[in-house]
């Protein structure tokens, strides 16, 4: 097995445009099944260094709509992978999306704690430029220290994330 290379790049404004392309394609497939499609993760925060992978949360009312949402996503090339150990977030992989930036797609019911955590963390960073600078530094250091060890990279940045979670009251 080849180790994944941890690449963290300076913020790129094209990430927002690329998110919109992905969102439009997903929204066209889901129609009214979706309550919203959120750009979350580091690429959603202006000025934040990030791995160039867009994280997207599709919001559905509740799990009674999940099978229909999964079928709609399957019709455009997405495959359900399960929750990957995180309750309240269903992950999807894909094929045939070379026209789109690499992305992670999740479907979450609107009452999902994971969805709330994603949005709260994103919104905190969007309103705290000093935290964006600090988190960029932490991510860049982590990638330099552990360029082929994603687990160590995640472990390195975890204290920063946990501190913010405590500050916003979700930890």
N, C-alpha and C. Protein backbone atom coordinates (compact mmCIF):
# COMPACT_ATOMS: atom_id res chain seq x y z
N UNK A 1 0.84 -1.18 0.00
CA UNK A 1 0.00 0.00 0.00
C UNK A 1 0.89 1.24 0.00
N UNK A 2 0.56 2.19 -0.86
CA UNK A 2 1.32 3.42 -0.98
C UNK A 2 0.78 4.43 0.04
N UNK A 3 1.69 5.05 0.76
CA UNK A 3 1.28 6.06 1.75
C UNK A 3 0.76 7.30 1.04
N UNK A 4 -0.30 7.88 1.56
CA UNK A 4 -0.83 9.12 1.01
C UNK A 4 0.09 10.27 1.40
N UNK A 5 0.34 11.13 0.45
CA UNK A 5 1.16 12.31 0.70
C UNK A 5 0.26 13.40 1.27
N UNK A 6 0.65 13.94 2.42
CA UNK A 6 -0.10 15.01 3.05
C UNK A 6 0.36 16.32 2.43
N UNK A 7 -0.54 16.94 1.66
CA UNK A 7 -0.22 18.20 0.98
C UNK A 7 -1.15 19.28 1.51
N UNK A 8 -0.57 20.34 2.06
CA UNK A 8 -1.32 21.50 2.53
C UNK A 8 -0.85 22.69 1.71
N UNK A 9 -1.81 23.35 1.08
CA UNK A 9 -1.51 24.49 0.21
C UNK A 9 -2.08 25.78 0.78
N UNK A 10 -1.50 26.92 0.41
CA UNK A 10 -2.11 28.19 0.80
C UNK A 10 -3.51 28.30 0.20
N UNK A 11 -4.38 29.08 0.84
CA UNK A 11 -5.75 29.26 0.37
C UNK A 11 -5.76 29.63 -1.11
N UNK A 12 -6.71 29.07 -1.84
CA UNK A 12 -6.88 29.36 -3.25
C UNK A 12 -8.35 29.73 -3.49
N UNK A 13 -8.60 30.92 -4.00
CA UNK A 13 -9.98 31.38 -4.20
C UNK A 13 -10.75 30.51 -5.18
N UNK A 14 -10.06 29.73 -6.00
CA UNK A 14 -10.74 28.84 -6.95
C UNK A 14 -11.51 27.73 -6.21
N UNK A 15 -11.14 27.45 -4.96
CA UNK A 15 -11.85 26.40 -4.21
C UNK A 15 -13.33 26.73 -4.08
N UNK A 16 -13.67 27.98 -3.87
CA UNK A 16 -15.08 28.37 -3.75
C UNK A 16 -15.81 28.14 -5.07
N UNK A 17 -15.19 28.51 -6.18
CA UNK A 17 -15.80 28.29 -7.50
C UNK A 17 -15.97 26.80 -7.77
N UNK A 18 -14.98 26.01 -7.39
CA UNK A 18 -15.06 24.57 -7.61
C UNK A 18 -16.12 23.93 -6.73
N UNK A 19 -16.28 24.43 -5.51
CA UNK A 19 -17.37 23.96 -4.65
C UNK A 19 -18.73 24.20 -5.32
N UNK A 20 -18.91 25.36 -5.89
CA UNK A 20 -20.19 25.69 -6.53
C UNK A 20 -20.49 24.73 -7.68
N UNK A 21 -19.48 24.35 -8.45
CA UNK A 21 -19.68 23.38 -9.54
C UNK A 21 -20.15 22.04 -8.98
N UNK A 22 -19.51 21.59 -7.91
CA UNK A 22 -19.89 20.32 -7.29
C UNK A 22 -21.30 20.43 -6.72
N UNK A 23 -21.56 21.52 -6.00
CA UNK A 23 -22.86 21.73 -5.38
C UNK A 23 -23.97 21.71 -6.43
N UNK A 24 -23.77 22.41 -7.54
CA UNK A 24 -24.79 22.46 -8.58
C UNK A 24 -25.11 21.08 -9.13
N UNK A 25 -24.08 20.28 -9.35
CA UNK A 25 -24.29 18.93 -9.88
C UNK A 25 -25.08 18.08 -8.87
N UNK A 26 -24.71 18.18 -7.61
CA UNK A 26 -25.39 17.41 -6.56
C UNK A 26 -26.83 17.91 -6.39
N UNK A 27 -27.01 19.21 -6.37
CA UNK A 27 -28.36 19.78 -6.19
C UNK A 27 -29.29 19.37 -7.32
N UNK A 28 -28.77 19.35 -8.54
CA UNK A 28 -29.59 18.93 -9.68
C UNK A 28 -30.07 17.50 -9.51
N UNK A 29 -29.25 16.64 -8.94
CA UNK A 29 -29.64 15.24 -8.73
C UNK A 29 -30.60 15.09 -7.56
N UNK A 30 -30.38 15.85 -6.50
CA UNK A 30 -31.18 15.67 -5.28
C UNK A 30 -32.50 16.42 -5.28
N UNK A 31 -32.54 17.55 -5.96
CA UNK A 31 -33.77 18.34 -5.96
C UNK A 31 -34.21 18.67 -4.54
N UNK A 32 -35.48 18.42 -4.24
CA UNK A 32 -36.06 18.80 -2.95
C UNK A 32 -35.68 17.85 -1.81
N UNK A 33 -34.94 16.79 -2.10
CA UNK A 33 -34.49 15.89 -1.03
C UNK A 33 -33.52 16.59 -0.09
N UNK A 34 -32.83 17.59 -0.61
CA UNK A 34 -31.82 18.31 0.16
C UNK A 34 -32.39 19.59 0.76
N UNK A 35 -32.12 19.80 2.05
CA UNK A 35 -32.46 21.07 2.69
C UNK A 35 -31.39 22.12 2.45
N UNK A 36 -30.21 21.65 2.11
CA UNK A 36 -29.08 22.54 1.87
C UNK A 36 -27.83 21.75 1.58
N UNK A 37 -26.86 22.42 1.00
CA UNK A 37 -25.57 21.80 0.71
C UNK A 37 -24.52 22.79 1.21
N UNK A 38 -23.75 22.36 2.20
CA UNK A 38 -22.79 23.24 2.88
C UNK A 38 -21.35 22.92 2.49
N UNK A 39 -20.60 23.97 2.20
CA UNK A 39 -19.15 23.87 2.01
C UNK A 39 -18.53 23.97 3.40
N UNK A 40 -17.96 22.88 3.87
CA UNK A 40 -17.36 22.84 5.19
C UNK A 40 -15.89 22.46 5.04
N UNK A 41 -15.17 22.36 6.14
CA UNK A 41 -13.77 22.02 6.06
C UNK A 41 -12.92 23.23 5.72
N UNK A 42 -11.64 23.01 5.65
CA UNK A 42 -10.68 24.11 5.53
C UNK A 42 -10.79 24.88 4.22
N UNK A 43 -11.18 24.22 3.13
CA UNK A 43 -11.27 24.96 1.86
C UNK A 43 -12.42 25.97 1.87
N UNK A 44 -13.29 25.90 2.87
CA UNK A 44 -14.43 26.82 2.94
C UNK A 44 -14.12 28.10 3.70
N UNK A 45 -12.89 28.24 4.18
CA UNK A 45 -12.52 29.40 5.00
C UNK A 45 -11.47 30.22 4.24
N UNK A 46 -11.85 31.44 3.87
CA UNK A 46 -10.92 32.31 3.14
C UNK A 46 -9.64 32.52 3.95
N UNK A 47 -8.51 32.36 3.26
CA UNK A 47 -7.22 32.60 3.89
C UNK A 47 -6.62 31.40 4.59
N UNK A 48 -7.37 30.30 4.73
CA UNK A 48 -6.89 29.14 5.48
C UNK A 48 -6.16 28.17 4.57
N UNK A 49 -4.94 27.81 4.95
CA UNK A 49 -4.22 26.77 4.23
C UNK A 49 -4.98 25.45 4.40
N UNK A 50 -4.93 24.61 3.36
CA UNK A 50 -5.74 23.39 3.40
C UNK A 50 -5.20 22.34 2.46
N UNK A 51 -5.58 21.09 2.73
CA UNK A 51 -5.42 20.06 1.73
C UNK A 51 -6.42 20.43 0.62
N UNK A 52 -6.06 20.34 -0.65
CA UNK A 52 -6.95 20.80 -1.72
C UNK A 52 -8.07 19.80 -2.02
N UNK A 53 -8.83 19.48 -1.00
CA UNK A 53 -9.97 18.56 -1.10
C UNK A 53 -11.16 19.27 -0.48
N UNK A 54 -12.22 19.42 -1.24
CA UNK A 54 -13.40 20.14 -0.78
C UNK A 54 -14.29 19.20 0.02
N UNK A 55 -14.68 19.62 1.23
CA UNK A 55 -15.60 18.85 2.06
C UNK A 55 -16.99 19.44 1.92
N UNK A 56 -17.96 18.56 1.67
CA UNK A 56 -19.34 18.98 1.43
C UNK A 56 -20.28 18.16 2.29
N UNK A 57 -21.19 18.85 2.98
CA UNK A 57 -22.26 18.20 3.74
C UNK A 57 -23.58 18.50 3.06
N UNK A 58 -24.26 17.44 2.64
CA UNK A 58 -25.63 17.55 2.13
C UNK A 58 -26.55 17.36 3.32
N UNK A 59 -27.49 18.26 3.50
CA UNK A 59 -28.39 18.20 4.65
C UNK A 59 -29.75 17.67 4.19
N UNK A 60 -30.20 16.61 4.86
CA UNK A 60 -31.54 16.08 4.62
C UNK A 60 -32.35 16.24 5.90
N UNK A 61 -33.67 16.21 5.78
CA UNK A 61 -34.53 16.40 6.95
C UNK A 61 -34.24 15.35 8.03
N UNK A 62 -34.24 14.07 7.64
CA UNK A 62 -33.97 12.99 8.57
C UNK A 62 -33.65 11.72 7.78
N UNK A 63 -33.37 10.65 8.49
CA UNK A 63 -32.95 9.41 7.83
C UNK A 63 -34.05 8.77 7.00
N UNK A 64 -35.31 9.18 7.16
CA UNK A 64 -36.37 8.61 6.31
C UNK A 64 -36.15 8.97 4.84
N UNK A 65 -35.36 10.01 4.56
CA UNK A 65 -35.07 10.42 3.19
C UNK A 65 -33.73 9.90 2.67
N UNK A 66 -33.01 9.19 3.54
CA UNK A 66 -31.65 8.81 3.16
C UNK A 66 -31.60 7.89 1.95
N UNK A 67 -32.43 6.85 1.91
CA UNK A 67 -32.37 5.90 0.78
C UNK A 67 -32.62 6.61 -0.55
N UNK A 68 -33.58 7.53 -0.57
CA UNK A 68 -33.86 8.28 -1.80
C UNK A 68 -32.68 9.19 -2.16
N UNK A 69 -32.10 9.82 -1.16
CA UNK A 69 -30.93 10.68 -1.41
C UNK A 69 -29.76 9.85 -1.93
N UNK A 70 -29.53 8.69 -1.32
CA UNK A 70 -28.43 7.82 -1.75
C UNK A 70 -28.66 7.34 -3.19
N UNK A 71 -29.90 7.01 -3.53
CA UNK A 71 -30.21 6.57 -4.90
C UNK A 71 -29.97 7.70 -5.89
N UNK A 72 -30.37 8.92 -5.54
CA UNK A 72 -30.15 10.06 -6.43
C UNK A 72 -28.66 10.31 -6.63
N UNK A 73 -27.89 10.23 -5.55
CA UNK A 73 -26.44 10.42 -5.66
C UNK A 73 -25.80 9.28 -6.46
N UNK A 74 -26.29 8.06 -6.25
CA UNK A 74 -25.78 6.91 -7.01
C UNK A 74 -26.00 7.12 -8.51
N UNK A 75 -27.10 7.75 -8.87
CA UNK A 75 -27.41 7.95 -10.30
C UNK A 75 -26.41 8.89 -10.98
N UNK A 76 -25.64 9.65 -10.20
CA UNK A 76 -24.63 10.54 -10.80
C UNK A 76 -23.21 10.11 -10.41
N UNK A 77 -23.06 8.85 -9.98
CA UNK A 77 -21.72 8.30 -9.79
C UNK A 77 -21.20 8.20 -8.37
N UNK A 78 -22.02 8.50 -7.37
CA UNK A 78 -21.58 8.40 -5.96
C UNK A 78 -21.99 7.06 -5.37
N UNK A 79 -21.13 6.51 -4.52
CA UNK A 79 -21.39 5.25 -3.83
C UNK A 79 -21.38 5.46 -2.33
N UNK A 80 -22.41 4.97 -1.65
CA UNK A 80 -22.47 5.08 -0.20
C UNK A 80 -21.42 4.17 0.42
N UNK A 81 -20.65 4.70 1.37
CA UNK A 81 -19.60 3.94 2.04
C UNK A 81 -19.93 3.64 3.50
N UNK A 82 -21.08 4.08 3.98
CA UNK A 82 -21.42 3.93 5.39
C UNK A 82 -21.00 5.18 6.15
N UNK A 83 -21.08 5.09 7.48
CA UNK A 83 -20.75 6.29 8.27
C UNK A 83 -19.26 6.37 8.63
N UNK A 84 -18.49 5.36 8.28
CA UNK A 84 -17.04 5.33 8.54
C UNK A 84 -16.73 5.62 10.01
N UNK A 85 -17.62 5.15 10.88
CA UNK A 85 -17.39 5.28 12.31
C UNK A 85 -17.85 6.58 12.93
N UNK A 86 -18.49 7.44 12.16
CA UNK A 86 -18.97 8.72 12.69
C UNK A 86 -20.49 8.77 12.56
N UNK A 87 -21.16 8.71 13.68
CA UNK A 87 -22.62 8.70 13.70
C UNK A 87 -23.16 10.05 13.23
N UNK A 88 -24.21 9.99 12.40
CA UNK A 88 -24.85 11.21 11.92
C UNK A 88 -24.21 11.79 10.68
N UNK A 89 -23.38 10.99 10.02
CA UNK A 89 -22.72 11.45 8.79
C UNK A 89 -22.48 10.24 7.90
N UNK A 90 -23.09 10.22 6.75
CA UNK A 90 -22.93 9.12 5.80
C UNK A 90 -21.99 9.55 4.69
N UNK A 91 -20.92 8.79 4.47
CA UNK A 91 -19.89 9.15 3.49
C UNK A 91 -20.19 8.54 2.13
N UNK A 92 -19.76 9.25 1.09
CA UNK A 92 -19.91 8.78 -0.28
C UNK A 92 -18.59 8.91 -1.00
N UNK A 93 -18.26 7.91 -1.81
CA UNK A 93 -17.11 7.95 -2.70
C UNK A 93 -17.67 8.12 -4.11
N UNK A 94 -16.81 8.26 -5.10
CA UNK A 94 -17.32 8.49 -6.45
C UNK A 94 -16.32 8.03 -7.50
N UNK A 95 -16.85 7.86 -8.71
CA UNK A 95 -16.08 7.62 -9.92
C UNK A 95 -16.59 8.59 -10.97
N UNK A 96 -15.75 8.87 -11.95
CA UNK A 96 -16.19 9.67 -13.08
C UNK A 96 -16.40 11.14 -12.77
N UNK A 97 -15.64 11.68 -11.85
CA UNK A 97 -15.79 13.10 -11.50
C UNK A 97 -14.51 13.86 -11.82
N UNK A 98 -13.83 13.46 -12.88
CA UNK A 98 -12.58 14.12 -13.25
C UNK A 98 -12.77 15.59 -13.57
N UNK A 99 -14.01 15.98 -13.93
CA UNK A 99 -14.31 17.38 -14.26
C UNK A 99 -14.49 18.24 -13.01
N UNK A 100 -14.45 17.61 -11.84
CA UNK A 100 -14.63 18.33 -10.58
C UNK A 100 -13.39 18.19 -9.71
N UNK A 101 -13.16 19.17 -8.83
CA UNK A 101 -12.05 19.08 -7.88
C UNK A 101 -12.31 17.91 -6.95
N UNK A 102 -11.24 17.28 -6.49
CA UNK A 102 -11.37 16.19 -5.53
C UNK A 102 -12.18 16.69 -4.33
N UNK A 103 -13.09 15.84 -3.85
CA UNK A 103 -13.95 16.25 -2.74
C UNK A 103 -14.39 15.06 -1.91
N UNK A 104 -14.81 15.37 -0.69
CA UNK A 104 -15.42 14.41 0.21
C UNK A 104 -16.88 14.81 0.33
N UNK A 105 -17.76 13.85 0.17
CA UNK A 105 -19.19 14.13 0.22
C UNK A 105 -19.83 13.34 1.36
N UNK A 106 -20.62 14.05 2.17
CA UNK A 106 -21.33 13.45 3.29
C UNK A 106 -22.79 13.86 3.23
N UNK A 107 -23.66 12.97 3.66
CA UNK A 107 -25.07 13.29 3.82
C UNK A 107 -25.38 13.21 5.31
N UNK A 108 -25.99 14.28 5.83
CA UNK A 108 -26.28 14.39 7.26
C UNK A 108 -27.73 14.80 7.47
N UNK A 109 -28.41 14.17 8.43
CA UNK A 109 -29.72 14.71 8.80
C UNK A 109 -29.53 16.06 9.49
N UNK A 110 -30.53 16.91 9.42
CA UNK A 110 -30.38 18.27 9.93
C UNK A 110 -30.09 18.34 11.42
N UNK A 111 -30.40 17.29 12.17
CA UNK A 111 -30.12 17.30 13.62
C UNK A 111 -28.80 16.61 13.96
N UNK A 112 -27.97 16.32 12.98
CA UNK A 112 -26.70 15.62 13.18
C UNK A 112 -25.72 16.47 14.00
N UNK A 113 -25.17 15.86 15.04
CA UNK A 113 -24.14 16.55 15.84
C UNK A 113 -22.89 16.81 15.00
N UNK A 114 -22.57 15.89 14.11
CA UNK A 114 -21.38 16.08 13.25
C UNK A 114 -21.58 17.28 12.32
N UNK A 115 -22.76 17.41 11.75
CA UNK A 115 -23.07 18.57 10.91
C UNK A 115 -22.95 19.86 11.71
N UNK A 116 -23.51 19.88 12.91
CA UNK A 116 -23.43 21.07 13.76
C UNK A 116 -21.97 21.42 14.07
N UNK A 117 -21.16 20.39 14.32
CA UNK A 117 -19.74 20.61 14.62
C UNK A 117 -19.03 21.20 13.40
N UNK A 118 -19.28 20.64 12.21
CA UNK A 118 -18.65 21.15 10.99
C UNK A 118 -18.97 22.63 10.79
N UNK A 119 -20.25 22.98 10.90
CA UNK A 119 -20.67 24.35 10.64
C UNK A 119 -20.16 25.30 11.72
N UNK A 120 -20.22 24.88 12.98
CA UNK A 120 -19.76 25.75 14.07
C UNK A 120 -18.26 26.03 13.94
N UNK A 121 -17.46 25.01 13.62
CA UNK A 121 -16.02 25.19 13.47
C UNK A 121 -15.72 26.11 12.28
N UNK A 122 -16.39 25.85 11.15
CA UNK A 122 -16.20 26.70 9.96
C UNK A 122 -16.56 28.14 10.28
N UNK A 123 -17.72 28.35 10.89
CA UNK A 123 -18.17 29.71 11.16
C UNK A 123 -17.28 30.42 12.17
N UNK A 124 -16.74 29.68 13.15
CA UNK A 124 -15.79 30.27 14.09
C UNK A 124 -14.57 30.78 13.33
N UNK A 125 -14.00 29.93 12.48
CA UNK A 125 -12.81 30.34 11.73
C UNK A 125 -13.11 31.52 10.82
N UNK A 126 -14.26 31.51 10.18
CA UNK A 126 -14.61 32.61 9.27
C UNK A 126 -14.68 33.95 10.00
N UNK A 127 -14.95 33.93 11.28
CA UNK A 127 -15.09 35.19 12.03
C UNK A 127 -13.90 35.48 12.95
N UNK A 128 -12.85 34.65 12.89
CA UNK A 128 -11.66 34.86 13.73
C UNK A 128 -10.39 34.74 12.89
N UNK A 129 -9.99 35.84 12.23
CA UNK A 129 -8.81 35.78 11.36
C UNK A 129 -7.53 35.35 12.06
N UNK A 130 -7.40 35.67 13.36
CA UNK A 130 -6.20 35.24 14.07
C UNK A 130 -6.15 33.72 14.20
N UNK A 131 -7.30 33.09 14.34
CA UNK A 131 -7.37 31.62 14.41
C UNK A 131 -7.04 31.01 13.05
N UNK A 132 -7.43 31.69 11.97
CA UNK A 132 -7.10 31.22 10.62
C UNK A 132 -5.59 31.20 10.44
N UNK A 133 -4.91 32.26 10.88
CA UNK A 133 -3.44 32.31 10.77
C UNK A 133 -2.80 31.20 11.58
N UNK A 134 -3.27 31.02 12.81
CA UNK A 134 -2.69 29.99 13.68
C UNK A 134 -2.95 28.59 13.12
N UNK A 135 -4.18 28.33 12.68
CA UNK A 135 -4.51 27.00 12.16
C UNK A 135 -3.75 26.72 10.88
N UNK A 136 -3.57 27.73 10.03
CA UNK A 136 -2.75 27.56 8.81
C UNK A 136 -1.34 27.13 9.18
N UNK A 137 -0.76 27.81 10.17
CA UNK A 137 0.59 27.47 10.61
C UNK A 137 0.65 26.04 11.12
N UNK A 138 -0.32 25.66 11.97
CA UNK A 138 -0.35 24.30 12.53
C UNK A 138 -0.45 23.26 11.41
N UNK A 139 -1.33 23.50 10.46
CA UNK A 139 -1.52 22.54 9.36
C UNK A 139 -0.26 22.44 8.49
N UNK A 140 0.36 23.57 8.19
CA UNK A 140 1.57 23.56 7.39
C UNK A 140 2.70 22.83 8.12
N UNK A 141 2.83 23.09 9.42
CA UNK A 141 3.86 22.39 10.22
C UNK A 141 3.58 20.90 10.24
N UNK A 142 2.34 20.53 10.47
CA UNK A 142 1.98 19.11 10.51
C UNK A 142 2.29 18.40 9.21
N UNK A 143 1.98 19.04 8.09
CA UNK A 143 2.27 18.44 6.79
C UNK A 143 3.77 18.31 6.55
N UNK A 144 4.55 19.29 7.03
CA UNK A 144 6.01 19.23 6.87
C UNK A 144 6.62 18.15 7.77
N UNK A 145 6.09 18.01 8.98
CA UNK A 145 6.60 17.01 9.91
C UNK A 145 6.21 15.59 9.53
N UNK A 146 5.01 15.42 8.99
CA UNK A 146 4.46 14.09 8.70
C UNK A 146 3.93 14.01 7.27
N UNK A 147 4.81 14.19 6.27
CA UNK A 147 4.35 14.26 4.89
C UNK A 147 3.74 12.96 4.35
N UNK A 148 4.00 11.83 5.00
CA UNK A 148 3.45 10.56 4.54
C UNK A 148 2.71 9.81 5.63
N UNK A 149 2.23 10.55 6.63
CA UNK A 149 1.53 9.91 7.74
C UNK A 149 0.30 10.73 8.11
N UNK A 150 -0.82 10.42 7.45
CA UNK A 150 -2.05 11.18 7.66
C UNK A 150 -2.50 11.11 9.12
N UNK A 151 -2.35 9.97 9.76
CA UNK A 151 -2.78 9.84 11.16
C UNK A 151 -1.99 10.78 12.07
N UNK A 152 -0.67 10.85 11.86
CA UNK A 152 0.16 11.75 12.68
C UNK A 152 -0.16 13.21 12.38
N UNK A 153 -0.42 13.51 11.11
CA UNK A 153 -0.82 14.87 10.73
C UNK A 153 -2.09 15.27 11.47
N UNK A 154 -3.08 14.40 11.45
CA UNK A 154 -4.34 14.67 12.14
C UNK A 154 -4.11 14.82 13.64
N UNK A 155 -3.29 13.94 14.20
CA UNK A 155 -2.96 14.01 15.62
C UNK A 155 -2.28 15.34 15.96
N UNK A 156 -1.41 15.82 15.07
CA UNK A 156 -0.68 17.06 15.30
C UNK A 156 -1.61 18.26 15.38
N UNK A 157 -2.64 18.28 14.53
CA UNK A 157 -3.53 19.44 14.52
C UNK A 157 -4.70 19.31 15.49
N UNK A 158 -4.88 18.15 16.08
CA UNK A 158 -6.01 17.92 16.98
C UNK A 158 -6.07 18.85 18.19
N UNK A 159 -4.96 19.17 18.86
CA UNK A 159 -5.06 20.10 20.00
C UNK A 159 -5.65 21.46 19.62
N UNK A 160 -5.32 21.97 18.45
CA UNK A 160 -5.90 23.24 18.01
C UNK A 160 -7.41 23.10 17.84
N UNK A 161 -7.82 22.05 17.15
CA UNK A 161 -9.25 21.82 16.89
C UNK A 161 -10.01 21.66 18.20
N UNK A 162 -9.47 20.87 19.11
CA UNK A 162 -10.13 20.64 20.39
C UNK A 162 -10.24 21.93 21.20
N UNK A 163 -9.24 22.78 21.13
CA UNK A 163 -9.29 24.06 21.84
C UNK A 163 -10.44 24.92 21.30
N UNK A 164 -10.59 24.95 19.99
CA UNK A 164 -11.68 25.73 19.39
C UNK A 164 -13.03 25.11 19.76
N UNK A 165 -13.13 23.79 19.72
CA UNK A 165 -14.37 23.13 20.12
C UNK A 165 -14.75 23.52 21.55
N UNK A 166 -13.77 23.53 22.45
CA UNK A 166 -14.06 23.92 23.83
C UNK A 166 -14.52 25.37 23.90
N UNK A 167 -13.85 26.22 23.13
CA UNK A 167 -14.20 27.65 23.13
C UNK A 167 -15.62 27.89 22.64
N UNK A 168 -16.07 27.11 21.67
CA UNK A 168 -17.43 27.31 21.14
C UNK A 168 -18.45 26.40 21.81
N UNK A 169 -17.99 25.62 22.79
CA UNK A 169 -18.92 24.84 23.61
C UNK A 169 -19.42 23.56 23.01
N UNK A 170 -18.65 22.94 22.13
CA UNK A 170 -19.10 21.66 21.55
C UNK A 170 -18.15 20.51 21.89
N UNK A 171 -17.29 20.72 22.86
CA UNK A 171 -16.35 19.66 23.27
C UNK A 171 -16.48 19.38 24.73
